[in-house]
Amino acid sequence: MSKTQATIILIVMAGSSIAAQPEIRTLSILESAEIHVKPDLGAIEFVVEARDKDRNKAYQINEEAMLRVKEVLKTYGIESDDMKSNKFLVERTYRYDKNQNRIFDGYCVYHEMQVETRDLDKIMQIADEILEAGATRIKGIAFRIEDPTPYIVEVRTKAMKKAEEKARHIAGLAGMKLGKPLIISELKEVNDRSPVGIIPDITISADASGSVTIEPGDIKLTYTIYITYELQ
């Protein structure tokens, strides 16, 4: 047998081996799960703004107001570790006269800060006292879970079980058995870096005295998964 003939035989045998491989039948499942969790952390975002013709005076006014705010926060057990500056800027401000001429009006010192508290029942009271102490405005109040890791594990496990149950049921209806997972993909939520979406639910109400309270309600954790199973 020549070398050329041997090569041809080997190629044919290899081709026959590939063709003999059985076709893999698969079933793909898209499944989601959700759980509801009480938030344990509240965040207040506020702004302290000061204006003056003199830049140093504007700095001083802003700093004094911020110190008063921090003293209030300490009375609620909020320490420096729970305070974070989000934005700080100084800018020249202008006004326009009746002839639309731009006139220098002084300096504005803007300091935006966020504080976190675990005392959710007093979060509106804290926000009110922040304003009384010198904050210009409250930008927002939000609630979250300080450590969502165990809840993410729970909702992921729930989604995996739901996906397997659905796949096993469909396979049984088709007269087949469910095999092992071949591909597992987490589907990322829009504007979120993980497949877990956090959707807060907030209720705002006022009592007879007119005091406003916020009830954070539950936070919904959602998880979506895509699995391709082998069918037998």
Foldseek 3Di string as FASTA:
>chain_A
DDPVVVVVVVVVVVVVVVVPDDDWDKDKFKWKFKDWAAFQKKKWKFKFKFWDQDPVVRVVLSVQLVVLLQVLCVVQVFDPVQKDWDDWDKDWDWDADPVRDTDTDTMMIMTMMMGMDRPQFCPLVSLVVSVVSGIPDTPDMDTHHPDCVVVVVVRVVVRVVVRVVVVQVVLVVVVWGWAAWDDKDWDPDPPGPHQWDWDWDKDWDADPVRRIHIDGGIIMIMTMMMIMITID
